Amino acid sequence: MTMTSVRNDPSERPSIAQLAFPSILGNLLYSVVAMVQTKFVGELGPEAVAAVGAGQRVFFALQAVMIAISAGTTALVARAWGAEEYDEAGRVTMASLILAGAFGLALTVPGVLFAGDLANVFGLDDRTVVMAADNIRWLSVFNVAFAANFILGAALRAAGDAWTPLWVGMGVNVINIPLLYAFIFGHWGFPEMGVGGAAVAAGLSFTVGGLVLVGLWRREVLVVKYIVADWFTRERLAQLVRIGYPAGAEMVVFQVGFFAFLMLIGNYYGTEAFAAYSVGANLLMLCMVVGFGFSIAGATLVGQHLGADDFDAAVASGWRSMAYAMLAMTSLGAVVALFAESLARFFLGDEPLTVHYTVQMTWIMAALMPLLAVEFGIGGSLRGAGDTRTPLIATFVGLIGVRCTLAALFTFLGLPVFWVYATLIGEYLVKSAMLLRRFRSGRWKTMVRLEPGLALGAR
């Protein structure tokens, strides 16, 4: 994409495919790494798999601030790019990176000091809790590295460059896989760290990726400008906070609901059912990353078209993102479901109960793909427009009001864990209905306005 795109000319903007394909490919590579990690950790037993799942849930909760800042980055950089305010896109990126780095440092403290307490909330056995705490502790050490990758990747995609994050991500993955083997099992002279080694491998590889991105940015190789002056303004930071805090709150609600849901499974159905949930979700990771690619495409194009005051093109981009996501995710989900038992046995080995639960979870997730496509396509488009409150409300109602309430009821009634897994269907029915209603209303089109002389500077 060139710096001379013509304002209000949709043909000069990247297509959904141009944005989605590299994002999908990059996330597919990450999903391959996640599967390799599951395979390696699975050789240590179902307790280790459950420990990684618990550790990831806590880590994602601590990353809520990064999600918030990233949401503001995407919306404001895309708007600025659509309005041809390229210097402002650079200033937003700098402000976002400084904020994310500062919060990353601050979040390292609770992640390291209280890892055991955080891991203990899931009601898992003592051995699993110790492994999960080790995973959380090491992930927290690398918070700043994760922040750099997250924010700079979001800014580049919002400016229409989805290829640079892909190339850097490929390098991260190439480094990550051998490090997983080395640190989990203690090969090539590295210490044998088990579950904690998976976190160290991820942290070191993302540190390399973050350093590469920052280095390219400072050398002004990236499409987004490196601007160190005038990034700190009250208006710019206020916009980042106003757009971002609902996204952060959504992540907090999501993780709290997830904690409650997994606590029910861990306390009342055992480690096997807990591990099966994590493995089942990983088996459908392919579908998720495809959906996420279309979510990025929708967010970028909606934001850019709104910045160019082309409302019709923004609406069309949202609907197309959802349609493509639905077609791709549903097809892939059906294929994974057909081979669910073979895949589960590959990752878990001779663990009949865990395999049985994993197959159940996989079939339920596969049936959910059309509804998940709505969340990715329409939810991403709303966030790109700066409407981060609607996804927050939908997540609260769907996850807390529907999934967790039904899961608690089914657990109280003593129903099999299958019914607890199936509460996801109720959640996503409600969420997709709420997101579609909001998108059809069109009220998201003018939620963020470019203000000359304030947020984006005088033209």
Protein backbone atom coordinates (compact mmCIF):
# COMPACT_ATOMS: atom_id res chain seq x y z
CA MET A 1 0.00 0.00 0.00
CA THR A 2 1.44 3.40 -0.96
CA MET A 3 1.39 6.68 0.92
CA THR A 4 -0.45 8.34 -1.97
CA SER A 5 -3.81 6.61 -1.78
CA VAL A 6 -6.64 8.83 -2.96
CA ARG A 7 -9.11 9.89 -0.30
CA ASN A 8 -12.60 8.44 -0.76
CA ASP A 9 -11.42 6.06 -3.49
CA PRO A 10 -12.19 2.54 -2.23
CA SER A 11 -10.19 0.96 -5.04
CA GLU A 12 -7.00 2.28 -3.44
CA ARG A 13 -7.65 0.44 -0.19
CA PRO A 14 -6.60 -3.17 0.41
CA SER A 15 -9.21 -5.82 -0.14
CA ILE A 16 -10.50 -8.16 2.56
CA ALA A 17 -8.44 -10.97 1.05
CA GLN A 18 -5.25 -8.86 1.03
CA LEU A 19 -5.68 -8.13 4.72
CA ALA A 20 -7.14 -11.44 5.84
CA PHE A 21 -4.80 -13.85 4.04
CA PRO A 22 -1.50 -12.86 5.72
CA SER A 23 -3.26 -12.54 9.08
CA ILE A 24 -4.79 -15.99 8.67
CA LEU A 25 -1.48 -17.48 7.56
CA GLY A 26 0.33 -15.90 10.49
CA ASN A 27 -2.21 -17.15 12.99
CA LEU A 28 -2.20 -20.59 11.40
CA LEU A 29 1.51 -20.74 12.10
CA TYR A 30 0.85 -19.77 15.71
CA SER A 31 -1.80 -22.48 15.92
CA VAL A 32 0.72 -25.02 14.62
CA VAL A 33 3.06 -23.97 17.41
CA ALA A 34 0.19 -24.29 19.90
CA MET A 35 -0.45 -27.83 18.66
CA VAL A 36 3.24 -28.69 18.89
CA GLN A 37 3.24 -27.33 22.43
CA THR A 38 0.14 -29.42 23.24
CA LYS A 39 1.85 -32.51 21.82
CA PHE A 40 5.03 -31.95 23.81
CA VAL A 41 3.21 -31.08 27.02
CA GLY A 42 0.75 -33.94 26.47
CA GLU A 43 3.66 -36.37 26.84
CA LEU A 44 3.96 -35.17 30.45
CA GLY A 45 0.36 -36.24 31.19
CA PRO A 46 -3.13 -34.67 31.35
CA GLU A 47 -2.13 -32.69 34.46
CA ALA A 48 0.47 -30.83 32.42
CA VAL A 49 -2.07 -30.07 29.67
CA ALA A 50 -4.51 -28.75 32.27
CA ALA A 51 -1.71 -26.66 33.83
CA VAL A 52 -0.93 -24.98 30.50
CA GLY A 53 -4.64 -24.29 29.95
CA ALA A 54 -4.97 -22.73 33.41
CA GLY A 55 -1.78 -20.72 32.93
CA GLN A 56 -2.97 -19.34 29.61
CA ARG A 57 -6.29 -18.26 31.12
CA VAL A 58 -4.54 -16.27 33.86
CA PHE A 59 -2.04 -14.81 31.41
CA PHE A 60 -4.81 -13.62 29.08
CA ALA A 61 -6.56 -12.00 32.03
CA LEU A 62 -3.40 -10.08 32.90
CA GLN A 63 -3.20 -9.01 29.25
CA ALA A 64 -6.57 -7.21 29.37
CA VAL A 65 -4.79 -3.86 29.37
CA MET A 66 -2.89 -4.79 26.22
CA ILE A 67 -6.16 -5.74 24.54
CA ALA A 68 -7.61 -2.37 25.51
CA ILE A 69 -4.70 -0.34 24.16
CA SER A 70 -4.59 -2.43 21.01
CA ALA A 71 -8.29 -1.79 20.33
CA GLY A 72 -7.72 1.94 20.53
CA THR A 73 -4.62 1.63 18.34
CA THR A 74 -6.51 -0.22 15.60
CA ALA A 75 -9.46 2.17 15.53
CA LEU A 76 -7.41 5.40 15.61
CA VAL A 77 -4.64 4.32 13.23
CA ALA A 78 -7.19 3.02 10.70
CA ARG A 79 -9.20 6.27 10.93
CA ALA A 80 -6.08 8.37 10.55
CA TRP A 81 -4.96 6.28 7.58
CA GLY A 82 -8.32 6.61 5.86
CA ALA A 83 -8.15 10.39 6.39
CA GLU A 84 -4.56 10.49 5.06
CA GLU A 85 -3.26 11.73 8.43
CA TYR A 86 -0.11 9.60 8.30
CA ASP A 87 1.82 11.55 10.94
CA GLU A 88 -1.06 11.06 13.37
CA ALA A 89 -0.98 7.32 12.74
CA GLY A 90 2.66 7.37 13.85
CA ARG A 91 1.90 9.41 16.97
CA VAL A 92 -0.93 7.07 17.96
CA THR A 93 1.42 4.12 17.53
CA MET A 94 4.07 5.72 19.75
CA ALA A 95 1.54 6.61 22.44
CA SER A 96 0.11 3.10 22.37
CA LEU A 97 3.51 1.43 22.60
CA ILE A 98 4.64 3.57 25.54
CA LEU A 99 1.40 2.90 27.41
CA ALA A 100 1.49 -0.82 26.69
CA GLY A 101 5.13 -1.10 27.78
CA ALA A 102 4.46 0.72 31.05
CA PHE A 103 1.46 -1.44 31.88
CA GLY A 104 3.38 -4.54 30.85
CA LEU A 105 6.04 -3.78 33.43
CA ALA A 106 3.41 -3.12 36.08
CA LEU A 107 1.58 -6.38 35.35
CA THR A 108 4.77 -8.38 35.69
CA VAL A 109 4.70 -7.89 39.46
CA PRO A 110 1.35 -9.60 40.25
CA GLY A 111 2.02 -12.27 37.65
CA VAL A 112 5.29 -13.25 39.34
CA LEU A 113 4.41 -12.74 43.00
CA PHE A 114 0.91 -14.22 43.01
CA ALA A 115 1.24 -16.96 40.38
CA GLY A 116 0.42 -19.71 42.89
CA ASP A 117 -2.69 -17.97 44.19
CA LEU A 118 -3.92 -17.32 40.65
CA ALA A 119 -3.36 -20.93 39.58
CA ASN A 120 -5.15 -22.23 42.65
CA VAL A 121 -8.55 -20.74 41.75
CA PHE A 122 -9.38 -23.52 39.30
CA GLY A 123 -9.67 -26.21 41.96
CA LEU A 124 -7.11 -28.48 40.32
CA ASP A 125 -4.96 -31.01 42.17
CA ASP A 126 -1.79 -29.80 43.92
CA ARG A 127 0.65 -31.07 41.27
CA THR A 128 -1.26 -29.34 38.48
CA VAL A 129 -1.44 -26.09 40.46
CA VAL A 130 2.35 -26.05 40.93
CA MET A 131 2.91 -26.54 37.18
CA ALA A 132 0.33 -23.89 36.25
CA ALA A 133 1.94 -21.38 38.63
CA ASP A 134 5.31 -21.99 37.00
CA ASN A 135 3.76 -21.33 33.59
CA ILE A 136 2.10 -18.09 34.74
CA ARG A 137 5.26 -16.83 36.43
CA TRP A 138 7.45 -17.24 33.36
CA LEU A 139 4.87 -15.82 30.95
CA SER A 140 4.63 -12.69 33.13
CA VAL A 141 8.38 -12.09 32.91
CA PHE A 142 8.04 -11.42 29.19
CA ASN A 143 5.04 -9.02 29.32
CA VAL A 144 6.88 -6.12 27.65
CA ALA A 145 7.98 -8.32 24.74
CA PHE A 146 4.42 -9.50 24.19
CA ALA A 147 3.24 -5.85 24.33
CA ALA A 148 5.68 -4.71 21.62
CA ASN A 149 4.56 -7.46 19.23
CA PHE A 150 0.90 -6.84 20.00
CA ILE A 151 0.83 -3.05 19.54
CA LEU A 152 3.14 -2.72 16.54
CA GLY A 153 1.36 -5.59 14.80
CA ALA A 154 -2.02 -3.93 15.40
CA ALA A 155 -0.78 -0.56 14.09
CA LEU A 156 0.67 -2.08 10.91
CA ARG A 157 -2.49 -4.04 10.14
CA ALA A 158 -4.64 -0.96 10.75
CA ALA A 159 -2.50 0.88 8.17
CA GLY A 160 -3.10 -1.95 5.69
CA ASP A 161 0.23 -3.77 6.10
CA ALA A 162 -0.58 -7.30 7.23
CA TRP A 163 2.53 -8.81 5.63
CA THR A 164 5.23 -7.42 7.93
CA PRO A 165 3.62 -8.91 11.07
CA LEU A 166 3.40 -12.20 9.15
CA TRP A 167 7.12 -12.29 8.29
CA VAL A 168 8.11 -11.38 11.83
CA GLY A 169 5.64 -13.93 13.19
CA MET A 170 7.14 -16.63 10.99
CA GLY A 171 10.53 -15.90 12.50
CA VAL A 172 9.06 -16.05 16.01
CA ASN A 173 7.58 -19.47 15.27
CA VAL A 174 10.78 -20.81 13.75
CA ILE A 175 12.55 -19.89 16.99
CA ASN A 176 9.74 -21.05 19.27
CA ILE A 177 9.44 -24.70 18.19
CA PRO A 178 13.04 -25.81 18.90
CA LEU A 179 13.00 -23.81 22.14
CA LEU A 180 9.86 -25.69 23.21
CA TYR A 181 11.67 -28.99 22.67
CA ALA A 182 14.75 -27.74 24.47
CA PHE A 183 13.15 -26.18 27.56
CA ILE A 184 10.28 -28.64 28.12
CA PHE A 185 12.43 -31.78 27.96
CA GLY A 186 15.87 -30.36 28.80
CA HIS A 187 17.68 -31.17 25.54
CA TRP A 188 20.86 -29.64 24.02
CA GLY A 189 22.16 -28.56 27.41
CA PHE A 190 19.09 -26.52 28.38
CA PRO A 191 17.39 -27.07 31.76
CA GLU A 192 14.40 -29.43 31.88
CA MET A 193 11.57 -27.07 32.88
CA GLY A 194 8.42 -28.96 31.86
CA VAL A 195 5.34 -26.72 31.69
CA GLY A 196 7.37 -23.67 32.68
CA GLY A 197 9.66 -24.31 29.73
CA ALA A 198 6.77 -23.78 27.32
CA ALA A 199 6.38 -20.25 28.69
CA VAL A 200 10.11 -19.53 28.51
CA ALA A 201 10.23 -20.68 24.88
CA ALA A 202 7.32 -18.40 23.96
CA GLY A 203 8.77 -15.45 25.86
CA LEU A 204 12.22 -15.67 24.30
CA SER A 205 10.88 -16.03 20.76
CA PHE A 206 8.52 -13.07 21.18
CA THR A 207 11.38 -11.02 22.61
CA VAL A 208 13.27 -11.52 19.36
CA GLY A 209 10.16 -10.60 17.36
CA GLY A 210 9.58 -7.46 19.41
CA LEU A 211 13.18 -6.30 19.02
CA VAL A 212 12.98 -6.80 15.24
CA LEU A 213 9.75 -4.81 14.94
CA VAL A 214 11.00 -1.94 17.09
CA GLY A 215 14.30 -1.88 15.18
CA LEU A 216 12.57 -1.72 11.79
CA TRP A 217 10.22 0.98 13.07
CA ARG A 218 13.05 3.15 14.40
CA ARG A 219 14.91 2.81 11.10
CA GLU A 220 11.69 4.00 9.36
CA VAL A 221 11.42 0.85 7.28
CA LEU A 222 7.78 0.24 8.27
CA VAL A 223 4.80 1.92 6.61
CA VAL A 224 3.80 3.54 9.93
CA LYS A 225 6.07 6.50 10.68
CA TYR A 226 8.41 6.58 13.67
CA ILE A 227 7.55 9.87 15.38
CA VAL A 228 8.91 10.76 18.81
CA ALA A 229 7.62 14.34 19.03
CA ASP A 230 4.16 15.49 20.14
CA TRP A 231 2.80 12.00 20.79
CA PHE A 232 1.81 12.88 24.33
CA THR A 233 -1.38 14.95 24.13
CA ARG A 234 -4.42 14.84 26.38
CA GLU A 235 -6.83 14.45 23.45
CA ARG A 236 -4.95 11.54 21.89
CA LEU A 237 -4.62 9.65 25.15
CA ALA A 238 -8.26 10.36 25.99
CA GLN A 239 -9.35 8.82 22.69
CA LEU A 240 -7.18 5.76 23.28
CA VAL A 241 -8.69 5.32 26.73
CA ARG A 242 -12.26 6.02 25.63
CA ILE A 243 -12.10 3.46 22.83
CA GLY A 244 -9.87 1.01 24.63
CA TYR A 245 -11.30 0.66 28.12
CA PRO A 246 -14.46 -1.23 27.02
CA ALA A 247 -12.24 -3.69 25.13
CA GLY A 248 -10.14 -4.16 28.25
CA ALA A 249 -13.25 -4.54 30.36
CA GLU A 250 -14.55 -7.08 27.86
CA MET A 251 -11.38 -9.12 28.30
CA VAL A 252 -11.73 -8.92 32.09
CA VAL A 253 -15.37 -10.05 31.88
CA PHE A 254 -14.37 -12.80 29.48
CA GLN A 255 -11.62 -14.08 31.75
CA VAL A 256 -13.75 -13.83 34.92
CA GLY A 257 -16.50 -15.78 33.20
CA PHE A 258 -13.95 -18.26 31.89
CA PHE A 259 -12.47 -18.65 35.36
CA ALA A 260 -15.89 -19.38 36.83
CA PHE A 261 -16.70 -21.81 34.03
CA LEU A 262 -13.40 -23.70 34.34
CA MET A 263 -13.61 -23.69 38.13
CA LEU A 264 -16.90 -25.59 37.84
CA ILE A 265 -15.31 -28.12 35.51
CA GLY A 266 -12.13 -28.50 37.56
CA ASN A 267 -13.88 -28.78 40.92
CA TYR A 268 -16.80 -31.00 39.93
CA TYR A 269 -15.71 -32.98 36.86
CA GLY A 270 -11.96 -33.49 37.38
CA THR A 271 -8.67 -32.86 35.65
CA GLU A 272 -9.58 -35.02 32.62
CA ALA A 273 -12.61 -32.87 31.79
CA PHE A 274 -10.57 -29.71 32.35
CA ALA A 275 -7.77 -30.89 30.06
CA ALA A 276 -10.31 -32.00 27.43
CA TYR A 277 -11.73 -28.48 27.24
CA SER A 278 -8.25 -27.06 26.50
CA VAL A 279 -7.40 -29.74 23.93
CA GLY A 280 -10.79 -29.46 22.22
CA ALA A 281 -10.38 -25.71 21.88
CA ASN A 282 -6.86 -26.19 20.48
CA LEU A 283 -8.14 -28.66 17.88
CA LEU A 284 -10.48 -25.94 16.58
CA MET A 285 -7.72 -23.34 16.71
CA LEU A 286 -7.49 -23.51 12.93
CA CYS A 287 -11.05 -22.18 12.66
CA MET A 288 -10.40 -19.49 15.23
CA VAL A 289 -7.35 -18.10 13.50
CA VAL A 290 -9.18 -17.96 10.18
CA GLY A 291 -11.97 -16.03 11.88
CA PHE A 292 -9.47 -13.72 13.52
CA GLY A 293 -7.97 -12.92 10.13
CA PHE A 294 -11.34 -11.79 8.81
CA SER A 295 -11.91 -9.88 12.05
CA ILE A 296 -8.70 -7.92 11.44
CA ALA A 297 -9.70 -7.28 7.83
CA GLY A 298 -13.15 -6.05 8.85
CA ALA A 299 -11.77 -3.79 11.58
CA THR A 300 -9.15 -2.26 9.29
CA LEU A 301 -11.42 -1.61 6.31
CA VAL A 302 -14.33 -0.32 8.38
CA GLY A 303 -11.99 2.09 10.19
CA GLN A 304 -10.32 3.27 7.00
CA HIS A 305 -13.61 3.75 5.14
CA LEU A 306 -15.08 5.70 8.06
CA GLY A 307 -11.96 7.87 8.15
CA ALA A 308 -12.62 8.62 4.46
CA ASP A 309 -16.34 9.29 5.20
CA ASP A 310 -17.40 6.37 2.99
CA PHE A 311 -20.12 4.86 5.18
CA ASP A 312 -21.60 2.53 2.56
CA ALA A 313 -18.22 0.89 1.93
CA ALA A 314 -17.74 0.49 5.69
CA VAL A 315 -21.05 -1.37 6.00
CA ALA A 316 -20.28 -3.58 3.00
CA SER A 317 -16.86 -4.45 4.41
CA GLY A 318 -18.41 -5.63 7.68
CA TRP A 319 -20.94 -7.90 5.99
CA ARG A 320 -18.35 -9.38 3.63
CA SER A 321 -15.96 -10.10 6.49
CA MET A 322 -18.68 -12.01 8.32
CA ALA A 323 -19.73 -13.97 5.22
CA TYR A 324 -16.19 -15.06 4.37
CA ALA A 325 -15.51 -15.99 7.99
CA MET A 326 -18.70 -18.05 8.18
CA LEU A 327 -17.93 -20.02 5.02
CA ALA A 328 -14.34 -20.76 5.96
CA MET A 329 -14.85 -21.51 9.67
CA THR A 330 -17.87 -23.76 9.15
CA SER A 331 -16.10 -25.83 6.50
CA LEU A 332 -12.94 -26.26 8.55
CA GLY A 333 -14.91 -27.06 11.71
CA ALA A 334 -16.73 -29.88 9.95
CA VAL A 335 -13.45 -31.44 8.81
CA VAL A 336 -11.93 -31.29 12.30
CA ALA A 337 -15.07 -32.79 13.85
CA LEU A 338 -14.89 -35.78 11.48
CA PHE A 339 -11.40 -36.65 12.73
CA ALA A 340 -11.93 -35.55 16.34
CA GLU A 341 -11.19 -38.91 17.97
CA SER A 342 -8.04 -39.58 15.97
CA LEU A 343 -6.73 -36.10 16.69
CA ALA A 344 -7.53 -36.40 20.38
CA ARG A 345 -5.66 -39.71 20.62
CA PHE A 346 -2.69 -38.22 18.80
CA PHE A 347 -2.35 -35.42 21.34
CA LEU A 348 -3.38 -37.31 24.47
CA GLY A 349 -2.26 -40.87 23.86
CA ASP A 350 -3.88 -43.63 25.92
CA GLU A 351 -6.17 -41.49 28.10
CA PRO A 352 -9.63 -42.88 27.27
CA LEU A 353 -11.70 -40.62 29.51
CA THR A 354 -9.89 -37.44 28.43
CA VAL A 355 -10.18 -38.50 24.78
CA HIS A 356 -13.92 -39.12 25.21
CA TYR A 357 -14.47 -35.67 26.72
CA THR A 358 -12.29 -34.04 24.06
CA VAL A 359 -14.38 -35.54 21.24
CA GLN A 360 -17.55 -34.19 22.86
CA MET A 361 -16.03 -30.74 23.23
CA THR A 362 -14.77 -30.74 19.64
CA TRP A 363 -18.20 -31.57 18.17
CA ILE A 364 -19.85 -28.81 20.19
CA MET A 365 -17.25 -26.26 19.09
CA ALA A 366 -17.61 -27.33 15.45
CA ALA A 367 -21.37 -26.77 15.62
CA LEU A 368 -20.72 -23.26 16.95
CA MET A 369 -18.65 -22.07 13.98
CA PRO A 370 -21.39 -20.07 12.17
CA LEU A 371 -22.13 -18.17 15.39
CA LEU A 372 -18.45 -17.61 16.10
CA ALA A 373 -18.11 -16.20 12.57
CA VAL A 374 -20.62 -13.51 13.49
CA GLU A 375 -18.56 -12.57 16.53
CA PHE A 376 -15.35 -12.40 14.51
CA GLY A 377 -16.71 -10.62 11.44
CA ILE A 378 -19.26 -8.24 12.94
CA GLY A 379 -17.56 -7.87 16.33
CA GLY A 380 -14.27 -6.98 14.64
CA SER A 381 -15.99 -4.46 12.38
CA LEU A 382 -17.65 -2.74 15.34
CA ARG A 383 -14.32 -2.51 17.16
CA GLY A 384 -12.68 -1.05 14.05
CA ALA A 385 -15.37 1.64 14.08
CA GLY A 386 -14.52 2.44 17.70
CA ASP A 387 -17.66 0.79 19.08
CA THR A 388 -16.05 -1.36 21.75
CA ARG A 389 -18.95 -1.09 24.21
CA THR A 390 -21.36 -3.31 22.28
CA PRO A 391 -18.99 -6.32 22.24
CA LEU A 392 -18.43 -5.72 25.98
CA ILE A 393 -22.16 -5.84 26.74
CA ALA A 394 -22.67 -8.86 24.48
CA THR A 395 -19.83 -10.72 26.20
CA PHE A 396 -21.22 -9.95 29.65
CA VAL A 397 -24.74 -11.05 28.79
CA GLY A 398 -23.69 -14.12 26.79
CA LEU A 399 -20.84 -15.41 28.96
CA ILE A 400 -21.91 -14.43 32.46
CA GLY A 401 -25.68 -14.32 32.00
CA VAL A 402 -26.07 -17.40 29.82
CA ARG A 403 -23.05 -19.71 29.79
CA CYS A 404 -21.99 -19.46 33.45
CA THR A 405 -25.57 -19.45 34.75
CA LEU A 406 -26.52 -22.54 32.76
CA ALA A 407 -23.23 -24.27 33.63
CA ALA A 408 -23.84 -23.70 37.36
CA LEU A 409 -27.40 -25.00 37.00
CA PHE A 410 -26.34 -28.12 35.09
CA THR A 411 -23.56 -28.80 37.60
CA PHE A 412 -25.99 -28.41 40.50
CA LEU A 413 -28.33 -30.88 38.78
CA GLY A 414 -25.46 -33.36 38.43
CA LEU A 415 -25.66 -33.55 34.63
CA PRO A 416 -22.71 -34.98 32.65
CA VAL A 417 -19.95 -32.56 31.64
CA PHE A 418 -21.25 -32.66 28.05
CA TRP A 419 -24.12 -30.41 29.10
CA VAL A 420 -21.72 -27.97 30.71
CA TYR A 421 -19.70 -27.82 27.49
CA ALA A 422 -22.95 -27.31 25.54
CA THR A 423 -23.72 -24.06 27.39
CA LEU A 424 -21.43 -22.41 24.82
CA ILE A 425 -24.25 -22.75 22.28
CA GLY A 426 -26.58 -20.59 24.35
CA GLU A 427 -23.87 -18.01 24.91
CA TYR A 428 -23.05 -17.51 21.25
CA LEU A 429 -26.67 -17.47 20.14
CA VAL A 430 -27.27 -14.49 22.39
CA LYS A 431 -23.99 -12.73 21.54
CA SER A 432 -24.42 -13.05 17.78
CA ALA A 433 -27.99 -11.71 17.96
CA MET A 434 -26.84 -8.66 19.93
CA LEU A 435 -23.92 -7.91 17.60
CA LEU A 436 -26.05 -8.24 14.45
CA ARG A 437 -28.72 -5.95 15.85
CA ARG A 438 -26.14 -3.28 16.66
CA PHE A 439 -24.46 -3.47 13.27
CA ARG A 440 -27.78 -3.18 11.45
CA SER A 441 -28.65 -0.05 13.46
CA GLY A 442 -25.75 1.91 11.93
CA ARG A 443 -25.20 3.94 15.11
CA TRP A 444 -21.55 2.83 15.19
CA LYS A 445 -20.70 4.91 12.10
CA THR A 446 -20.17 8.21 13.92
CA MET A 447 -18.95 7.07 17.32
CA VAL A 448 -15.42 8.37 16.65
CA ARG A 449 -14.94 11.64 14.83
CA LEU A 450 -11.66 13.13 13.63
CA GLU A 451 -11.29 16.54 15.21
CA PRO A 452 -8.88 18.87 13.37
CA GLY A 453 -6.65 20.75 15.75
CA LEU A 454 -7.29 18.27 18.56
CA ALA A 455 -6.95 14.53 18.09
CA LEU A 456 -5.51 14.55 14.61
CA GLY A 457 -4.03 17.98 14.29
CA ALA A 458 -4.88 20.75 11.84
CA ARG A 459 -5.17 19.73 8.22
